[in-house]
Amino acid sequence: NLSMNKLITKYLTDGKKEAPPLPAGDYNVIYADPPWKYSNSGISGAAENHYPTMTIEELCNLKIPASENAVLFLWVTNPILVEAIPVIKSWGFEYKTNMVWVKDIAGQGFYVKGQHELLLICVKGSMRPDDSLFVRSVVSLPRQEHSKKPEVFYEIIEEMYPEGKYLELFARNKREGWDSWGNEL
C-alpha cells in the first residue's frame, strides 16, 4: 500500500518531483477522468503509453474533497465499468445514472471496438439538478486526441449545477471558475 503522499506523487509526477496535494475544502461538483490502469499493458493503444495510470486500489485510497452533498461525474470505459463501482463507493458516492459520449470513429476495444465512453453520475447526500432542465443522456461528438473529452461536458455540468463549487480531478487543462488537479496542468 502506498501512502497518500506517495500515491499522489506517483500519479502527478510519475515519481520525478514533489507533487501538490489534492485541493483542500469541500466541493459539491466533482468531474473526474481517472487514469485507469487496464490489464492490456504492452499493446500499442495501452493507456500506460500515454500517461501514468493508477490501480483501482490506488484510486480507492484517494481522499476526495467532497462536501456532504455533492455530485460526481466520473468517466469510465466499458472494460473498466465494474471496477469503477468500488471507487465510487470509497469516495462516498452512490451511482445514479450515466451519460454516453458517442464518437464518430471507433478506437481500441476488448471484444468490440469502442466508439463511446460513459460519464457516470453519482451522488453523495442530496444533489439533484433542476428538474426543469432537459439534459440528454447521449452526446454525439467527434473523437479527440487520446483520452481528451469534449469541452461541452463542462457546459452541461455547469448548466445542471450553476451554483456549484467545481473541482476537476485528473485535469488536463484549467477552466475558469473551476479548481483543477492533474499531472498535465
C-alpha atoms as a PDB file:
ATOM      1  CA  ASN A   1       0.000   0.000   0.000  1.00  0.00           C
ATOM      2  CA  LEU A   2       1.333   3.394  -0.978  1.00  0.00           C
ATOM      3  CA  SER A   3       0.897   6.269   1.451  1.00  0.00           C
ATOM      4  CA  MET A   4      -1.360   9.075   0.234  1.00  0.00           C
ATOM      5  CA  ASN A   5       1.573  11.432  -0.484  1.00  0.00           C
ATOM      6  CA  LYS A   6       3.461   8.755  -2.428  1.00  0.00           C
ATOM      7  CA  LEU A   7       0.295   7.853  -4.317  1.00  0.00           C
ATOM      8  CA  ILE A   8      -0.339  11.460  -5.332  1.00  0.00           C
ATOM      9  CA  THR A   9       3.328  11.961  -6.258  1.00  0.00           C
ATOM     10  CA  LYS A  10       3.289   8.787  -8.383  1.00  0.00           C
ATOM     11  CA  TYR A  11       0.248   9.952 -10.351  1.00  0.00           C
ATOM     12  CA  LEU A  12       1.066  13.624 -10.720  1.00  0.00           C
ATOM     13  CA  THR A  13       4.742  13.373 -11.487  1.00  0.00           C
ATOM     14  CA  ASP A  14       5.363   9.704 -12.161  1.00  0.00           C
ATOM     15  CA  GLY A  15       7.878   9.925  -9.281  1.00  0.00           C
ATOM     16  CA  LYS A  16      10.029  12.711 -10.785  1.00  0.00           C
ATOM     17  CA  LYS A  17       9.375  15.565  -8.310  1.00  0.00           C
ATOM     18  CA  GLU A  18       7.254  16.685  -5.382  1.00  0.00           C
ATOM     19  CA  ALA A  19       3.543  16.769  -6.157  1.00  0.00           C
ATOM     20  CA  PRO A  20       0.928  19.201  -4.871  1.00  0.00           C
ATOM     21  CA  PRO A  21      -1.698  17.795  -2.512  1.00  0.00           C
ATOM     22  CA  LEU A  22      -5.305  17.353  -3.526  1.00  0.00           C
ATOM     23  CA  PRO A  23      -7.204  20.645  -3.204  1.00  0.00           C
ATOM     24  CA  ALA A  24      -8.490  21.469   0.276  1.00  0.00           C
ATOM     25  CA  GLY A  25     -12.055  22.380   1.051  1.00  0.00           C
ATOM     26  CA  ASP A  26     -15.409  20.936   0.175  1.00  0.00           C
ATOM     27  CA  TYR A  27     -16.533  20.720  -3.425  1.00  0.00           C
ATOM     28  CA  ASN A  28     -20.098  19.877  -4.377  1.00  0.00           C
ATOM     29  CA  VAL A  29     -19.470  19.271  -8.102  1.00  0.00           C
ATOM     30  CA  ILE A  30     -16.605  16.940  -8.985  1.00  0.00           C
ATOM     31  CA  TYR A  31     -15.633  15.959 -12.528  1.00  0.00           C
ATOM     32  CA  ALA A  32     -13.069  13.189 -12.871  1.00  0.00           C
ATOM     33  CA  ASP A  33     -11.364  11.278 -15.671  1.00  0.00           C
ATOM     34  CA  PRO A  34      -9.142   8.890 -13.715  1.00  0.00           C
ATOM     35  CA  PRO A  35      -6.042   7.340 -15.265  1.00  0.00           C
ATOM     36  CA  TRP A  36      -7.491   3.819 -15.032  1.00  0.00           C
ATOM     37  CA  LYS A  37      -4.930   1.031 -15.155  1.00  0.00           C
ATOM     38  CA  TYR A  38      -6.051  -1.590 -17.669  1.00  0.00           C
ATOM     39  CA  SER A  39      -4.831  -5.151 -17.979  1.00  0.00           C
ATOM     40  CA  ASN A  40      -3.726  -4.538 -21.575  1.00  0.00           C
ATOM     41  CA  SER A  41      -0.298  -3.030 -20.972  1.00  0.00           C
ATOM     42  CA  GLY A  42       2.108  -3.967 -23.712  1.00  0.00           C
ATOM     43  CA  ILE A  43      -0.175  -3.218 -26.659  1.00  0.00           C
ATOM     44  CA  SER A  44       0.215  -0.065 -28.730  1.00  0.00           C
ATOM     45  CA  GLY A  45      -3.054   1.517 -27.577  1.00  0.00           C
ATOM     46  CA  ALA A  46      -2.464   0.911 -23.855  1.00  0.00           C
ATOM     47  CA  ALA A  47      -3.147   3.869 -21.560  1.00  0.00           C
ATOM     48  CA  GLU A  48       0.319   3.460 -19.975  1.00  0.00           C
ATOM     49  CA  ASN A  49       1.811   4.535 -23.310  1.00  0.00           C
ATOM     50  CA  HIS A  50       0.132   7.948 -22.925  1.00  0.00           C
ATOM     51  CA  TYR A  51       0.217   8.776 -19.185  1.00  0.00           C
ATOM     52  CA  PRO A  52       0.912   7.235 -15.754  1.00  0.00           C
ATOM     53  CA  THR A  53      -2.025   5.106 -14.624  1.00  0.00           C
ATOM     54  CA  MET A  54      -3.450   4.161 -11.230  1.00  0.00           C
ATOM     55  CA  THR A  55      -4.806   0.842  -9.979  1.00  0.00           C
ATOM     56  CA  ILE A  56      -8.304   0.518  -8.545  1.00  0.00           C
ATOM     57  CA  GLU A  57      -6.804   0.224  -5.057  1.00  0.00           C
ATOM     58  CA  GLU A  58      -4.790   3.437  -5.542  1.00  0.00           C
ATOM     59  CA  LEU A  59      -7.866   5.294  -6.793  1.00  0.00           C
ATOM     60  CA  CYS A  60      -9.968   3.974  -3.897  1.00  0.00           C
ATOM     61  CA  ASN A  61      -7.373   5.295  -1.428  1.00  0.00           C
ATOM     62  CA  LEU A  62      -7.657   8.906  -2.634  1.00  0.00           C
ATOM     63  CA  LYS A  63      -9.435  11.182  -0.180  1.00  0.00           C
ATOM     64  CA  ILE A  64     -11.702  13.256  -2.420  1.00  0.00           C
ATOM     65  CA  PRO A  65     -12.566  16.727  -1.003  1.00  0.00           C
ATOM     66  CA  ALA A  66     -16.340  16.350  -1.465  1.00  0.00           C
ATOM     67  CA  SER A  67     -18.911  18.206   0.582  1.00  0.00           C
ATOM     68  CA  GLU A  68     -21.679  16.390   2.450  1.00  0.00           C
ATOM     69  CA  ASN A  69     -23.988  16.928  -0.543  1.00  0.00           C
ATOM     70  CA  ALA A  70     -22.119  16.510  -3.809  1.00  0.00           C
ATOM     71  CA  VAL A  71     -22.337  15.113  -7.328  1.00  0.00           C
ATOM     72  CA  LEU A  72     -19.571  13.197  -9.086  1.00  0.00           C
ATOM     73  CA  PHE A  73     -19.257  12.971 -12.872  1.00  0.00           C
ATOM     74  CA  LEU A  74     -16.886  10.062 -13.481  1.00  0.00           C
ATOM     75  CA  TRP A  75     -15.562   8.972 -16.896  1.00  0.00           C
ATOM     76  CA  VAL A  76     -15.217   5.241 -17.491  1.00  0.00           C
ATOM     77  CA  THR A  77     -14.851   2.995 -20.493  1.00  0.00           C
ATOM     78  CA  ASN A  78     -16.728  -0.273 -20.869  1.00  0.00           C
ATOM     79  CA  PRO A  79     -13.857  -2.608 -19.850  1.00  0.00           C
ATOM     80  CA  ILE A  80     -13.413  -0.774 -16.536  1.00  0.00           C
ATOM     81  CA  LEU A  81     -17.095  -0.247 -15.673  1.00  0.00           C
ATOM     82  CA  VAL A  82     -17.345  -2.879 -12.926  1.00  0.00           C
ATOM     83  CA  GLU A  83     -14.080  -1.710 -11.320  1.00  0.00           C
ATOM     84  CA  ALA A  84     -15.433   1.839 -11.118  1.00  0.00           C
ATOM     85  CA  ILE A  85     -18.108   0.907  -8.563  1.00  0.00           C
ATOM     86  CA  PRO A  86     -15.654   0.330  -5.650  1.00  0.00           C
ATOM     87  CA  VAL A  87     -14.000   3.669  -6.485  1.00  0.00           C
ATOM     88  CA  ILE A  88     -17.373   5.439  -6.409  1.00  0.00           C
ATOM     89  CA  LYS A  89     -18.241   3.845  -3.058  1.00  0.00           C
ATOM     90  CA  SER A  90     -14.830   4.516  -1.487  1.00  0.00           C
ATOM     91  CA  TRP A  91     -15.170   8.188  -2.429  1.00  0.00           C
ATOM     92  CA  GLY A  92     -18.519   8.266  -0.590  1.00  0.00           C
ATOM     93  CA  PHE A  93     -20.833   8.368  -3.618  1.00  0.00           C
ATOM     94  CA  GLU A  94     -23.677   6.248  -4.965  1.00  0.00           C
ATOM     95  CA  TYR A  95     -24.186   5.577  -8.682  1.00  0.00           C
ATOM     96  CA  LYS A  96     -27.410   7.122 -10.072  1.00  0.00           C
ATOM     97  CA  THR A  97     -27.278   7.213 -13.897  1.00  0.00           C
ATOM     98  CA  ASN A  98     -24.968   7.967 -16.824  1.00  0.00           C
ATOM     99  CA  MET A  99     -24.429   9.900 -19.996  1.00  0.00           C
ATOM    100  CA  VAL A 100     -22.859   8.492 -23.143  1.00  0.00           C
ATOM    101  CA  TRP A 101     -20.388  10.213 -25.451  1.00  0.00           C
ATOM    102  CA  VAL A 102     -20.748   8.616 -28.880  1.00  0.00           C
ATOM    103  CA  LYS A 103     -17.668   9.205 -31.026  1.00  0.00           C
ATOM    104  CA  ASP A 104     -17.533   9.437 -34.804  1.00  0.00           C
ATOM    105  CA  ILE A 105     -14.671   6.916 -35.036  1.00  0.00           C
ATOM    106  CA  ALA A 106     -14.186   3.634 -33.186  1.00  0.00           C
ATOM    107  CA  GLY A 107     -10.988   3.222 -31.215  1.00  0.00           C
ATOM    108  CA  GLN A 108      -9.397   0.444 -29.199  1.00  0.00           C
ATOM    109  CA  GLY A 109     -11.525  -2.149 -27.519  1.00  0.00           C
ATOM    110  CA  PHE A 110     -11.929  -5.534 -25.926  1.00  0.00           C
ATOM    111  CA  TYR A 111     -14.182  -7.894 -27.911  1.00  0.00           C
ATOM    112  CA  VAL A 112     -15.579  -4.904 -29.873  1.00  0.00           C
ATOM    113  CA  LYS A 113     -14.032  -1.609 -30.966  1.00  0.00           C
ATOM    114  CA  GLY A 114     -15.119   1.104 -28.550  1.00  0.00           C
ATOM    115  CA  GLN A 115     -16.979   4.023 -30.048  1.00  0.00           C
ATOM    116  CA  HIS A 116     -18.375   5.505 -26.860  1.00  0.00           C
ATOM    117  CA  GLU A 117     -17.471   6.364 -23.278  1.00  0.00           C
ATOM    118  CA  LEU A 118     -19.663   6.557 -20.209  1.00  0.00           C
ATOM    119  CA  LEU A 119     -19.910   9.518 -17.853  1.00  0.00           C
ATOM    120  CA  LEU A 120     -21.293   8.084 -14.633  1.00  0.00           C
ATOM    121  CA  ILE A 121     -23.329  10.432 -12.456  1.00  0.00           C
ATOM    122  CA  CYS A 122     -23.022   9.653  -8.767  1.00  0.00           C
ATOM    123  CA  VAL A 123     -24.368  11.430  -5.696  1.00  0.00           C
ATOM    124  CA  LYS A 124     -23.351  11.880  -2.095  1.00  0.00           C
ATOM    125  CA  GLY A 125     -26.175  13.110   0.143  1.00  0.00           C
ATOM    126  CA  SER A 126     -28.771  15.124  -1.777  1.00  0.00           C
ATOM    127  CA  MET A 127     -27.684  16.764  -5.014  1.00  0.00           C
ATOM    128  CA  ARG A 128     -30.361  16.822  -7.714  1.00  0.00           C
ATOM    129  CA  PRO A 129     -30.239  19.181 -10.687  1.00  0.00           C
ATOM    130  CA  ASP A 130     -33.167  21.443 -11.580  1.00  0.00           C
ATOM    131  CA  ASP A 131     -35.977  19.149 -12.829  1.00  0.00           C
ATOM    132  CA  SER A 132     -36.971  21.700 -15.477  1.00  0.00           C
ATOM    133  CA  LEU A 133     -33.722  21.131 -17.382  1.00  0.00           C
ATOM    134  CA  PHE A 134     -33.745  18.933 -20.453  1.00  0.00           C
ATOM    135  CA  VAL A 135     -30.300  17.363 -20.447  1.00  0.00           C
ATOM    136  CA  ARG A 136     -29.977  14.477 -22.876  1.00  0.00           C
ATOM    137  CA  SER A 137     -28.117  11.322 -21.902  1.00  0.00           C
ATOM    138  CA  VAL A 138     -26.446  10.872 -25.311  1.00  0.00           C
ATOM    139  CA  VAL A 139     -23.930  13.329 -26.755  1.00  0.00           C
ATOM    140  CA  SER A 140     -22.528  12.634 -30.245  1.00  0.00           C
ATOM    141  CA  LEU A 141     -19.280  14.468 -30.933  1.00  0.00           C
ATOM    142  CA  PRO A 142     -16.044  13.690 -32.809  1.00  0.00           C
ATOM    143  CA  ARG A 143     -13.300  11.736 -31.115  1.00  0.00           C
ATOM    144  CA  GLN A 144     -10.343  13.820 -29.956  1.00  0.00           C
ATOM    145  CA  GLU A 145      -6.744  13.070 -29.025  1.00  0.00           C
ATOM    146  CA  HIS A 146      -6.211  10.101 -26.689  1.00  0.00           C
ATOM    147  CA  SER A 147      -8.453  10.403 -23.608  1.00  0.00           C
ATOM    148  CA  LYS A 148      -9.357  14.102 -24.229  1.00  0.00           C
ATOM    149  CA  LYS A 149     -13.018  14.832 -23.513  1.00  0.00           C
ATOM    150  CA  PRO A 150     -15.158  17.416 -25.346  1.00  0.00           C
ATOM    151  CA  GLU A 151     -15.498  20.852 -23.714  1.00  0.00           C
ATOM    152  CA  VAL A 152     -19.301  20.633 -23.934  1.00  0.00           C
ATOM    153  CA  PHE A 153     -19.362  18.367 -20.871  1.00  0.00           C
ATOM    154  CA  TYR A 154     -18.175  21.277 -18.700  1.00  0.00           C
ATOM    155  CA  GLU A 155     -21.072  23.332 -20.069  1.00  0.00           C
ATOM    156  CA  ILE A 156     -23.580  20.562 -19.366  1.00  0.00           C
ATOM    157  CA  ILE A 157     -22.336  20.196 -15.786  1.00  0.00           C
ATOM    158  CA  GLU A 158     -22.414  23.974 -15.243  1.00  0.00           C
ATOM    159  CA  GLU A 159     -25.977  24.102 -16.610  1.00  0.00           C
ATOM    160  CA  MET A 160     -27.071  21.282 -14.318  1.00  0.00           C
ATOM    161  CA  TYR A 161     -25.360  22.815 -11.253  1.00  0.00           C
ATOM    162  CA  PRO A 162     -24.965  26.576 -11.859  1.00  0.00           C
ATOM    163  CA  GLU A 163     -24.169  27.325  -8.200  1.00  0.00           C
ATOM    164  CA  GLY A 164     -21.557  24.591  -7.895  1.00  0.00           C
ATOM    165  CA  LYS A 165     -18.162  24.761  -6.310  1.00  0.00           C
ATOM    166  CA  TYR A 166     -16.387  22.904  -9.136  1.00  0.00           C
ATOM    167  CA  LEU A 167     -13.365  20.618  -8.956  1.00  0.00           C
ATOM    168  CA  GLU A 168     -11.857  18.684 -11.840  1.00  0.00           C
ATOM    169  CA  LEU A 169      -9.678  15.749 -10.811  1.00  0.00           C
ATOM    170  CA  PHE A 170      -7.062  14.343 -13.196  1.00  0.00           C
ATOM    171  CA  ALA A 171      -7.445  17.527 -15.250  1.00  0.00           C
ATOM    172  CA  ARG A 172      -5.528  18.232 -18.445  1.00  0.00           C
ATOM    173  CA  ASN A 173      -6.252  21.954 -18.564  1.00  0.00           C
ATOM    174  CA  LYS A 174      -7.703  24.731 -16.442  1.00  0.00           C
ATOM    175  CA  ARG A 175     -11.207  26.131 -16.805  1.00  0.00           C
ATOM    176  CA  GLU A 176     -12.386  29.463 -15.440  1.00  0.00           C
ATOM    177  CA  GLY A 177     -14.492  29.020 -12.309  1.00  0.00           C
ATOM    178  CA  TRP A 178     -13.094  25.543 -11.629  1.00  0.00           C
ATOM    179  CA  ASP A 179     -10.292  24.274  -9.422  1.00  0.00           C
ATOM    180  CA  SER A 180      -8.162  21.744 -11.293  1.00  0.00           C
ATOM    181  CA  TRP A 181      -5.820  18.989 -10.175  1.00  0.00           C
ATOM    182  CA  GLY A 182      -3.882  16.736 -12.526  1.00  0.00           C
ATOM    183  CA  ASN A 183      -0.499  15.717 -13.926  1.00  0.00           C
ATOM    184  CA  GLU A 184      -0.893  17.503 -17.263  1.00  0.00           C
ATOM    185  CA  LEU A 185      -1.535  21.020 -15.922  1.00  0.00           C
END
